[in-house]
Amino acid sequence: MPHSINKQRFISIGIIFSVIILATIFSLAYSAKNFDTGFISIYFNRDIQHNKTKLPRICCLILTTPKYFLTRVKALNETWAPRCDRYFFITEYDRTTMTPEQIKFSEQIPIAPIKNIKAGYYHLTQKSNLAFLFAYENYLNDFEWFIKADDDTYLIVEHLKTFLSKQNSSEPITFGYNYK
């Protein structure tokens, strides 16, 4: 009988100790919003009201080309791009030069319906200008910020929104390196 009582006490103490440890871990994780255990990451979505800061709405304009649809674009579409409030891939779109796999994939992603984009590296300025013109004509009042990215970019959209929430979206400004 005394052996079973000791065993029950040991189990009870173990359970209580485990609950205290887990409560401490989740308390720390919740206060940090992101707890990385080394094996998994636990993200806690806090309501924006708790932060008393309204995060800005962002439209991401991602420049690419059909040859990267099944590699870079697929990776973006499966990682950070959906974290934007809205996103578009800006690309020349000529089905006659695309493989059946590229065509099928292109039907599953948001491609901006921009005409007359010239293919090639030397036309990136035109592609960027047309992307911003598309955003201006169609979505100017729907977003506070428009982000131009390339298909080899990785954005942590949550951090970007936090940064932009401290900026004045009514003032014309660019972030990044300004070439002279």
N, C-alpha and C. Protein backbone atom coordinates (compact mmCIF):
# COMPACT_ATOMS: atom_id res chain seq x y z
N MET A 1 0.80 -1.20 0.00
CA MET A 1 0.00 0.00 0.00
C MET A 1 0.85 1.27 0.00
N PRO A 2 1.88 1.39 0.89
CA PRO A 2 2.69 2.61 0.88
C PRO A 2 3.39 2.80 -0.46
N HIS A 3 3.74 1.71 -1.14
CA HIS A 3 4.42 1.83 -2.43
C HIS A 3 3.50 2.47 -3.47
N SER A 4 2.20 2.10 -3.49
CA SER A 4 1.27 2.67 -4.46
C SER A 4 0.97 4.13 -4.14
N ILE A 5 0.97 4.50 -2.85
CA ILE A 5 0.75 5.90 -2.48
C ILE A 5 1.93 6.75 -2.95
N ASN A 6 3.15 6.26 -2.76
CA ASN A 6 4.33 6.98 -3.23
C ASN A 6 4.33 7.12 -4.75
N LYS A 7 3.88 6.06 -5.42
CA LYS A 7 3.82 6.09 -6.88
C LYS A 7 2.80 7.14 -7.34
N GLN A 8 1.64 7.19 -6.67
CA GLN A 8 0.62 8.18 -7.03
C GLN A 8 1.12 9.60 -6.77
N ARG A 9 1.80 9.80 -5.64
CA ARG A 9 2.36 11.12 -5.34
C ARG A 9 3.39 11.52 -6.40
N PHE A 10 4.23 10.58 -6.77
CA PHE A 10 5.25 10.85 -7.79
C PHE A 10 4.61 11.26 -9.11
N ILE A 11 3.57 10.52 -9.51
CA ILE A 11 2.86 10.84 -10.76
C ILE A 11 2.18 12.21 -10.64
N SER A 12 1.53 12.48 -9.51
CA SER A 12 0.86 13.77 -9.31
C SER A 12 1.85 14.92 -9.35
N ILE A 13 2.98 14.76 -8.67
CA ILE A 13 4.00 15.80 -8.67
C ILE A 13 4.55 16.00 -10.09
N GLY A 14 4.75 14.91 -10.83
CA GLY A 14 5.23 15.00 -12.21
C GLY A 14 4.25 15.75 -13.10
N ILE A 15 2.96 15.47 -12.94
CA ILE A 15 1.94 16.15 -13.74
C ILE A 15 1.90 17.64 -13.40
N ILE A 16 1.92 17.96 -12.12
CA ILE A 16 1.90 19.37 -11.70
C ILE A 16 3.13 20.09 -12.23
N PHE A 17 4.28 19.47 -12.11
CA PHE A 17 5.53 20.06 -12.59
C PHE A 17 5.46 20.29 -14.11
N SER A 18 4.93 19.31 -14.84
CA SER A 18 4.81 19.44 -16.30
C SER A 18 3.87 20.58 -16.68
N VAL A 19 2.75 20.71 -15.97
CA VAL A 19 1.80 21.78 -16.25
C VAL A 19 2.44 23.15 -15.99
N ILE A 20 3.19 23.26 -14.91
CA ILE A 20 3.87 24.52 -14.60
C ILE A 20 4.88 24.86 -15.69
N ILE A 21 5.66 23.88 -16.13
CA ILE A 21 6.65 24.10 -17.19
C ILE A 21 5.95 24.55 -18.48
N LEU A 22 4.89 23.82 -18.89
CA LEU A 22 4.18 24.18 -20.12
C LEU A 22 3.54 25.56 -20.01
N ALA A 23 2.96 25.88 -18.87
CA ALA A 23 2.36 27.20 -18.68
C ALA A 23 3.41 28.30 -18.80
N THR A 24 4.58 28.06 -18.25
CA THR A 24 5.67 29.04 -18.34
C THR A 24 6.12 29.21 -19.78
N ILE A 25 6.29 28.10 -20.49
CA ILE A 25 6.73 28.16 -21.89
C ILE A 25 5.71 28.92 -22.74
N PHE A 26 4.43 28.59 -22.61
CA PHE A 26 3.42 29.27 -23.42
C PHE A 26 3.25 30.73 -23.01
N SER A 27 3.42 31.02 -21.75
CA SER A 27 3.37 32.42 -21.31
C SER A 27 4.49 33.23 -21.95
N LEU A 28 5.69 32.68 -21.93
CA LEU A 28 6.83 33.35 -22.57
C LEU A 28 6.62 33.46 -24.07
N ALA A 29 6.12 32.38 -24.66
CA ALA A 29 5.91 32.38 -26.11
C ALA A 29 4.85 33.40 -26.50
N TYR A 30 3.78 33.48 -25.73
CA TYR A 30 2.72 34.43 -26.05
C TYR A 30 3.22 35.86 -25.95
N SER A 31 4.02 36.13 -24.93
CA SER A 31 4.52 37.50 -24.78
C SER A 31 5.51 37.86 -25.88
N ALA A 32 6.19 36.88 -26.44
CA ALA A 32 7.14 37.14 -27.53
C ALA A 32 6.48 37.05 -28.90
N LYS A 33 5.26 36.55 -28.96
CA LYS A 33 4.51 36.33 -30.20
C LYS A 33 5.09 35.23 -31.07
N ASN A 34 6.33 34.92 -30.95
CA ASN A 34 6.95 33.90 -31.79
C ASN A 34 7.93 33.13 -30.93
N PHE A 35 7.64 31.87 -30.74
CA PHE A 35 8.51 31.05 -29.91
C PHE A 35 9.11 29.95 -30.78
N ASP A 36 10.39 29.95 -30.91
CA ASP A 36 11.07 28.96 -31.73
C ASP A 36 11.68 27.90 -30.82
N THR A 37 11.13 26.69 -30.90
CA THR A 37 11.62 25.62 -30.05
C THR A 37 12.84 24.93 -30.63
N GLY A 38 13.21 25.27 -31.83
CA GLY A 38 14.30 24.58 -32.50
C GLY A 38 13.75 23.52 -33.45
N PHE A 39 12.57 23.03 -33.16
CA PHE A 39 11.95 22.02 -34.01
C PHE A 39 10.75 22.61 -34.74
N ILE A 40 9.97 23.37 -34.02
CA ILE A 40 8.80 23.99 -34.63
C ILE A 40 8.72 25.43 -34.15
N SER A 41 8.01 26.24 -34.88
CA SER A 41 7.76 27.60 -34.44
C SER A 41 6.29 27.72 -34.12
N ILE A 42 6.00 28.33 -33.00
CA ILE A 42 4.63 28.55 -32.59
C ILE A 42 4.36 30.03 -32.75
N TYR A 43 3.39 30.38 -33.59
CA TYR A 43 3.06 31.78 -33.81
C TYR A 43 1.74 32.07 -33.11
N PHE A 44 1.70 33.15 -32.41
CA PHE A 44 0.48 33.57 -31.75
C PHE A 44 -0.01 34.82 -32.45
N ASN A 45 -1.21 34.72 -33.03
CA ASN A 45 -1.80 35.88 -33.68
C ASN A 45 -2.48 36.72 -32.63
N ARG A 46 -1.98 37.91 -32.44
CA ARG A 46 -2.64 38.84 -31.54
C ARG A 46 -3.53 39.73 -32.38
N ASP A 47 -4.65 40.02 -31.82
CA ASP A 47 -5.56 40.93 -32.49
C ASP A 47 -4.89 42.29 -32.60
N ILE A 48 -5.08 42.93 -33.71
CA ILE A 48 -4.48 44.24 -33.94
C ILE A 48 -4.93 45.23 -32.86
N GLN A 49 -6.14 45.04 -32.32
CA GLN A 49 -6.63 45.95 -31.29
C GLN A 49 -5.74 45.95 -30.06
N HIS A 50 -5.13 44.81 -29.74
CA HIS A 50 -4.25 44.75 -28.58
C HIS A 50 -3.02 45.62 -28.78
N ASN A 51 -2.54 45.70 -30.00
CA ASN A 51 -1.35 46.50 -30.28
C ASN A 51 -1.68 47.99 -30.40
N LYS A 52 -2.96 48.31 -30.54
CA LYS A 52 -3.41 49.69 -30.72
C LYS A 52 -2.77 50.35 -31.94
N THR A 53 -2.26 49.55 -32.84
CA THR A 53 -1.69 50.06 -34.08
C THR A 53 -2.36 49.32 -35.22
N LYS A 54 -2.93 50.07 -36.12
CA LYS A 54 -3.55 49.44 -37.28
C LYS A 54 -2.45 49.19 -38.30
N LEU A 55 -2.27 47.94 -38.66
CA LEU A 55 -1.24 47.61 -39.63
C LEU A 55 -1.69 48.06 -41.02
N PRO A 56 -0.78 48.59 -41.80
CA PRO A 56 -1.16 49.10 -43.13
C PRO A 56 -1.48 47.96 -44.10
N ARG A 57 -2.29 48.29 -45.07
CA ARG A 57 -2.60 47.34 -46.14
C ARG A 57 -1.53 47.48 -47.21
N ILE A 58 -1.05 46.33 -47.67
CA ILE A 58 0.07 46.30 -48.62
C ILE A 58 -0.33 45.51 -49.86
N CYS A 59 -0.02 46.08 -51.01
CA CYS A 59 -0.16 45.38 -52.29
C CYS A 59 1.25 45.11 -52.81
N CYS A 60 1.56 43.85 -53.04
CA CYS A 60 2.90 43.46 -53.50
C CYS A 60 2.87 43.23 -55.01
N LEU A 61 3.75 43.89 -55.70
CA LEU A 61 3.90 43.77 -57.15
C LEU A 61 5.22 43.05 -57.39
N ILE A 62 5.14 41.81 -57.87
CA ILE A 62 6.32 40.95 -57.96
C ILE A 62 6.69 40.75 -59.43
N LEU A 63 7.84 41.27 -59.83
CA LEU A 63 8.30 41.15 -61.21
C LEU A 63 8.92 39.77 -61.44
N THR A 64 8.51 39.14 -62.54
CA THR A 64 9.02 37.82 -62.87
C THR A 64 8.92 37.60 -64.37
N THR A 65 9.21 36.38 -64.78
CA THR A 65 9.12 35.98 -66.17
C THR A 65 8.65 34.52 -66.21
N PRO A 66 7.98 34.09 -67.27
CA PRO A 66 7.43 32.73 -67.30
C PRO A 66 8.45 31.62 -67.06
N LYS A 67 9.71 31.83 -67.40
CA LYS A 67 10.69 30.76 -67.21
C LYS A 67 10.88 30.42 -65.73
N TYR A 68 10.45 31.32 -64.82
CA TYR A 68 10.58 31.06 -63.39
C TYR A 68 9.25 30.69 -62.72
N PHE A 69 8.20 30.48 -63.50
CA PHE A 69 6.89 30.16 -62.93
C PHE A 69 6.94 28.92 -62.03
N LEU A 70 7.60 27.88 -62.48
CA LEU A 70 7.57 26.60 -61.75
C LEU A 70 8.62 26.51 -60.65
N THR A 71 9.46 27.51 -60.53
CA THR A 71 10.50 27.49 -59.49
C THR A 71 10.30 28.67 -58.55
N ARG A 72 10.78 29.83 -58.94
CA ARG A 72 10.73 31.00 -58.06
C ARG A 72 9.30 31.44 -57.73
N VAL A 73 8.47 31.55 -58.75
CA VAL A 73 7.10 32.02 -58.53
C VAL A 73 6.33 31.04 -57.66
N LYS A 74 6.52 29.76 -57.91
CA LYS A 74 5.85 28.75 -57.08
C LYS A 74 6.28 28.89 -55.62
N ALA A 75 7.57 29.10 -55.39
CA ALA A 75 8.07 29.26 -54.02
C ALA A 75 7.48 30.50 -53.36
N LEU A 76 7.43 31.62 -54.09
CA LEU A 76 6.85 32.84 -53.54
C LEU A 76 5.37 32.65 -53.22
N ASN A 77 4.68 31.99 -54.12
CA ASN A 77 3.25 31.77 -53.96
C ASN A 77 2.96 30.87 -52.76
N GLU A 78 3.91 30.04 -52.38
CA GLU A 78 3.73 29.12 -51.25
C GLU A 78 4.32 29.66 -49.95
N THR A 79 5.00 30.81 -50.00
CA THR A 79 5.63 31.33 -48.78
C THR A 79 5.09 32.72 -48.44
N TRP A 80 5.79 33.76 -48.82
CA TRP A 80 5.46 35.09 -48.30
C TRP A 80 4.42 35.86 -49.09
N ALA A 81 4.26 35.61 -50.37
CA ALA A 81 3.35 36.44 -51.19
C ALA A 81 1.91 36.47 -50.65
N PRO A 82 1.33 35.34 -50.23
CA PRO A 82 -0.04 35.41 -49.71
C PRO A 82 -0.19 36.22 -48.41
N ARG A 83 0.91 36.55 -47.77
CA ARG A 83 0.83 37.37 -46.56
C ARG A 83 0.61 38.84 -46.88
N CYS A 84 0.84 39.22 -48.14
CA CYS A 84 0.48 40.57 -48.58
C CYS A 84 -1.05 40.63 -48.61
N ASP A 85 -1.61 41.81 -48.44
CA ASP A 85 -3.07 41.92 -48.49
C ASP A 85 -3.60 41.61 -49.89
N ARG A 86 -2.79 41.88 -50.87
CA ARG A 86 -3.06 41.48 -52.25
C ARG A 86 -1.72 41.47 -52.96
N TYR A 87 -1.57 40.58 -53.92
CA TYR A 87 -0.32 40.53 -54.67
C TYR A 87 -0.58 40.14 -56.11
N PHE A 88 0.31 40.61 -56.96
CA PHE A 88 0.24 40.31 -58.38
C PHE A 88 1.63 39.98 -58.88
N PHE A 89 1.69 39.04 -59.80
CA PHE A 89 2.93 38.79 -60.52
C PHE A 89 2.88 39.62 -61.79
N ILE A 90 3.94 40.35 -62.02
CA ILE A 90 4.04 41.23 -63.19
C ILE A 90 4.95 40.52 -64.18
N THR A 91 4.38 40.12 -65.30
CA THR A 91 5.14 39.31 -66.24
C THR A 91 4.61 39.50 -67.66
N GLU A 92 5.49 39.26 -68.61
CA GLU A 92 5.02 39.15 -69.99
C GLU A 92 4.29 37.81 -70.07
N TYR A 93 3.21 37.79 -70.83
CA TYR A 93 2.39 36.58 -70.84
C TYR A 93 2.09 36.21 -72.28
N ASP A 94 2.87 35.28 -72.78
CA ASP A 94 2.70 34.81 -74.16
C ASP A 94 2.58 33.30 -74.13
N ARG A 95 1.36 32.80 -74.22
CA ARG A 95 1.11 31.36 -74.11
C ARG A 95 1.83 30.56 -75.20
N THR A 96 2.12 31.20 -76.30
CA THR A 96 2.76 30.46 -77.40
C THR A 96 4.20 30.09 -77.07
N THR A 97 4.81 30.79 -76.13
CA THR A 97 6.20 30.49 -75.76
C THR A 97 6.30 29.73 -74.44
N MET A 98 5.15 29.36 -73.87
CA MET A 98 5.15 28.70 -72.56
C MET A 98 4.87 27.21 -72.69
N THR A 99 5.40 26.44 -71.74
CA THR A 99 5.13 25.00 -71.71
C THR A 99 3.73 24.78 -71.13
N PRO A 100 3.15 23.60 -71.37
CA PRO A 100 1.83 23.31 -70.78
C PRO A 100 1.83 23.43 -69.25
N GLU A 101 2.93 23.04 -68.60
CA GLU A 101 3.01 23.15 -67.15
C GLU A 101 2.99 24.61 -66.70
N GLN A 102 3.71 25.46 -67.44
CA GLN A 102 3.72 26.89 -67.11
C GLN A 102 2.33 27.51 -67.30
N ILE A 103 1.68 27.11 -68.38
CA ILE A 103 0.33 27.63 -68.65
C ILE A 103 -0.63 27.21 -67.54
N LYS A 104 -0.58 25.95 -67.17
CA LYS A 104 -1.47 25.44 -66.11
C LYS A 104 -1.21 26.16 -64.79
N PHE A 105 0.06 26.34 -64.45
CA PHE A 105 0.39 27.03 -63.20
C PHE A 105 -0.02 28.50 -63.25
N SER A 106 0.14 29.13 -64.41
CA SER A 106 -0.19 30.56 -64.53
C SER A 106 -1.68 30.81 -64.31
N GLU A 107 -2.50 29.80 -64.51
CA GLU A 107 -3.94 29.94 -64.29
C GLU A 107 -4.29 29.91 -62.80
N GLN A 108 -3.33 29.53 -61.96
CA GLN A 108 -3.57 29.41 -60.52
C GLN A 108 -3.00 30.58 -59.72
N ILE A 109 -2.32 31.50 -60.37
CA ILE A 109 -1.67 32.60 -59.66
C ILE A 109 -2.21 33.94 -60.14
N PRO A 110 -2.15 34.96 -59.30
CA PRO A 110 -2.64 36.28 -59.72
C PRO A 110 -1.63 37.03 -60.59
N ILE A 111 -1.90 37.06 -61.87
CA ILE A 111 -1.04 37.78 -62.81
C ILE A 111 -1.76 39.08 -63.18
N ALA A 112 -1.06 40.19 -63.05
CA ALA A 112 -1.65 41.48 -63.42
C ALA A 112 -1.90 41.51 -64.92
N PRO A 113 -3.10 41.91 -65.33
CA PRO A 113 -3.42 41.94 -66.76
C PRO A 113 -2.83 43.17 -67.45
N ILE A 114 -1.52 43.18 -67.57
CA ILE A 114 -0.83 44.31 -68.20
C ILE A 114 -0.40 43.89 -69.60
N LYS A 115 -0.75 44.70 -70.56
CA LYS A 115 -0.41 44.40 -71.96
C LYS A 115 0.92 45.06 -72.34
N ASN A 116 1.52 44.54 -73.36
CA ASN A 116 2.72 45.13 -73.99
C ASN A 116 3.96 45.17 -73.11
N ILE A 117 4.09 44.22 -72.20
CA ILE A 117 5.33 44.14 -71.43
C ILE A 117 6.36 43.44 -72.31
N LYS A 118 7.48 44.08 -72.48
CA LYS A 118 8.55 43.48 -73.29
C LYS A 118 9.36 42.53 -72.42
N ALA A 119 9.70 41.39 -72.99
CA ALA A 119 10.49 40.41 -72.26
C ALA A 119 11.95 40.84 -72.20
N GLY A 120 12.62 40.41 -71.16
CA GLY A 120 14.06 40.63 -71.10
C GLY A 120 14.50 41.54 -69.97
N TYR A 121 15.74 41.34 -69.62
CA TYR A 121 16.37 42.07 -68.53
C TYR A 121 16.44 43.57 -68.80
N TYR A 122 16.60 43.97 -70.05
CA TYR A 122 16.78 45.38 -70.40
C TYR A 122 15.48 46.17 -70.38
N HIS A 123 14.37 45.50 -70.09
CA HIS A 123 13.08 46.18 -70.05
C HIS A 123 12.48 46.18 -68.64
N LEU A 124 13.31 46.01 -67.62
CA LEU A 124 12.82 45.98 -66.24
C LEU A 124 12.24 47.32 -65.80
N THR A 125 12.80 48.41 -66.27
CA THR A 125 12.26 49.73 -65.91
C THR A 125 10.85 49.88 -66.45
N GLN A 126 10.65 49.46 -67.71
CA GLN A 126 9.31 49.51 -68.29
C GLN A 126 8.35 48.63 -67.50
N LYS A 127 8.80 47.44 -67.13
CA LYS A 127 7.96 46.51 -66.38
C LYS A 127 7.58 47.11 -65.02
N SER A 128 8.54 47.74 -64.35
CA SER A 128 8.26 48.39 -63.05
C SER A 128 7.28 49.55 -63.21
N ASN A 129 7.51 50.38 -64.22
CA ASN A 129 6.61 51.51 -64.46
C ASN A 129 5.19 51.05 -64.76
N LEU A 130 5.06 50.02 -65.59
CA LEU A 130 3.73 49.49 -65.92
C LEU A 130 3.06 48.87 -64.69
N ALA A 131 3.85 48.24 -63.83
CA ALA A 131 3.30 47.66 -62.60
C ALA A 131 2.72 48.75 -61.70
N PHE A 132 3.48 49.83 -61.50
CA PHE A 132 2.98 50.92 -60.66
C PHE A 132 1.81 51.65 -61.31
N LEU A 133 1.81 51.77 -62.62
CA LEU A 133 0.68 52.37 -63.32
C LEU A 133 -0.57 51.51 -63.14
N PHE A 134 -0.42 50.20 -63.26
CA PHE A 134 -1.53 49.26 -63.03
C PHE A 134 -2.08 49.44 -61.62
N ALA A 135 -1.20 49.49 -60.62
CA ALA A 135 -1.63 49.65 -59.23
C ALA A 135 -2.33 51.00 -59.03
N TYR A 136 -1.77 52.05 -59.61
CA TYR A 136 -2.33 53.39 -59.49
C TYR A 136 -3.74 53.45 -60.09
N GLU A 137 -3.90 52.89 -61.27
CA GLU A 137 -5.19 52.97 -61.96
C GLU A 137 -6.26 52.09 -61.33
N ASN A 138 -5.86 50.99 -60.68
CA ASN A 138 -6.85 50.03 -60.20
C ASN A 138 -6.98 49.92 -58.68
N TYR A 139 -5.95 50.26 -57.94
CA TYR A 139 -5.96 49.97 -56.50
C TYR A 139 -5.46 51.11 -55.62
N LEU A 140 -5.37 52.30 -56.13
CA LEU A 140 -4.78 53.42 -55.39
C LEU A 140 -5.43 53.62 -54.02
N ASN A 141 -6.74 53.52 -53.94
CA ASN A 141 -7.44 53.78 -52.68
C ASN A 141 -7.65 52.54 -51.82
N ASP A 142 -7.18 51.40 -52.27
CA ASP A 142 -7.38 50.16 -51.52
C ASP A 142 -6.22 49.81 -50.60
N PHE A 143 -5.08 50.43 -50.80
CA PHE A 143 -3.87 50.09 -50.04
C PHE A 143 -3.14 51.35 -49.62
N GLU A 144 -2.45 51.25 -48.47
CA GLU A 144 -1.61 52.37 -48.04
C GLU A 144 -0.23 52.31 -48.71
N TRP A 145 0.23 51.10 -49.00
CA TRP A 145 1.58 50.92 -49.54
C TRP A 145 1.57 49.94 -50.70
N PHE A 146 2.44 50.22 -51.69
CA PHE A 146 2.68 49.33 -52.81
C PHE A 146 4.15 48.95 -52.78
N ILE A 147 4.40 47.65 -52.79
CA ILE A 147 5.75 47.13 -52.69
C ILE A 147 6.13 46.50 -54.02
N LYS A 148 7.25 46.91 -54.57
CA LYS A 148 7.78 46.28 -55.78
C LYS A 148 8.87 45.31 -55.35
N ALA A 149 8.71 44.06 -55.74
CA ALA A 149 9.70 43.04 -55.41
C ALA A 149 10.02 42.24 -56.67
N ASP A 150 11.10 41.52 -56.61
CA ASP A 150 11.48 40.63 -57.72
C ASP A 150 11.23 39.19 -57.30
N ASP A 151 11.31 38.29 -58.27
CA ASP A 151 11.04 36.88 -57.98
C ASP A 151 12.14 36.19 -57.18
N ASP A 152 13.23 36.90 -56.92
CA ASP A 152 14.28 36.33 -56.07
C ASP A 152 14.35 37.06 -54.72
N THR A 153 13.26 37.72 -54.37
CA THR A 153 13.16 38.45 -53.11
C THR A 153 12.44 37.59 -52.08
N TYR A 154 12.85 37.73 -50.82
CA TYR A 154 12.08 37.14 -49.73
C TYR A 154 11.74 38.25 -48.75
N LEU A 155 10.46 38.43 -48.48
CA LEU A 155 10.00 39.45 -47.55
C LEU A 155 9.40 38.80 -46.32
N ILE A 156 9.68 39.38 -45.18
CA ILE A 156 8.95 39.01 -43.97
C ILE A 156 7.88 40.09 -43.84
N VAL A 157 6.72 39.79 -44.38
CA VAL A 157 5.66 40.78 -44.56
C VAL A 157 5.22 41.36 -43.22
N GLU A 158 5.17 40.54 -42.18
CA GLU A 158 4.75 41.03 -40.87
C GLU A 158 5.71 42.11 -40.36
N HIS A 159 7.01 41.91 -40.55
CA HIS A 159 7.99 42.91 -40.13
C HIS A 159 7.88 44.17 -40.99
N LEU A 160 7.65 43.97 -42.28
CA LEU A 160 7.49 45.11 -43.18
C LEU A 160 6.28 45.95 -42.76
N LYS A 161 5.17 45.29 -42.44
CA LYS A 161 3.97 46.02 -42.00
C LYS A 161 4.22 46.78 -40.70
N THR A 162 4.95 46.16 -39.79
CA THR A 162 5.28 46.85 -38.54
C THR A 162 6.11 48.09 -38.82
N PHE A 163 7.11 47.96 -39.68
CA PHE A 163 7.93 49.11 -40.06
C PHE A 163 7.08 50.19 -40.71
N LEU A 164 6.25 49.80 -41.66
CA LEU A 164 5.45 50.78 -42.40
C LEU A 164 4.37 51.42 -41.54
N SER A 165 3.94 50.74 -40.48
CA SER A 165 2.91 51.31 -39.61
C SER A 165 3.42 52.57 -38.90
N LYS A 166 4.72 52.73 -38.84
CA LYS A 166 5.32 53.90 -38.19
C LYS A 166 5.62 55.02 -39.19
N GLN A 167 5.31 54.79 -40.46
CA GLN A 167 5.58 55.77 -41.51
C GLN A 167 4.28 56.46 -41.91
N ASN A 168 4.41 57.61 -42.51
CA ASN A 168 3.25 58.36 -42.99
C ASN A 168 2.98 57.96 -44.44
N SER A 169 1.90 57.23 -44.65
CA SER A 169 1.59 56.75 -46.01
C SER A 169 1.06 57.86 -46.91
N SER A 170 0.77 59.03 -46.35
CA SER A 170 0.30 60.16 -47.17
C SER A 170 1.45 60.92 -47.82
N GLU A 171 2.64 60.72 -47.33
CA GLU A 171 3.82 61.39 -47.88
C GLU A 171 4.45 60.52 -48.97
N PRO A 172 4.79 61.10 -50.13
CA PRO A 172 5.48 60.31 -51.15
C PRO A 172 6.90 59.98 -50.68
N ILE A 173 7.22 58.70 -50.68
CA ILE A 173 8.54 58.27 -50.18
C ILE A 173 8.89 56.92 -50.78
N THR A 174 10.16 56.67 -50.90
CA THR A 174 10.64 55.35 -51.29
C THR A 174 11.62 54.89 -50.23
N PHE A 175 11.69 53.59 -50.05
CA PHE A 175 12.67 53.00 -49.14
C PHE A 175 13.57 52.10 -49.96
N GLY A 176 14.82 52.07 -49.64
CA GLY A 176 15.78 51.29 -50.39
C GLY A 176 16.90 52.20 -50.83
N TYR A 177 17.68 51.75 -51.75
CA TYR A 177 18.81 52.54 -52.22
C TYR A 177 18.38 53.37 -53.42
N ASN A 178 18.60 54.65 -53.36
CA ASN A 178 18.28 55.54 -54.49
C ASN A 178 19.54 55.75 -55.32
N TYR A 179 19.53 55.20 -56.52
CA TYR A 179 20.67 55.38 -57.43
C TYR A 179 20.68 56.80 -57.96
N LYS A 180 21.87 57.35 -58.15
CA LYS A 180 21.98 58.72 -58.67
C LYS A 180 22.35 58.70 -60.13
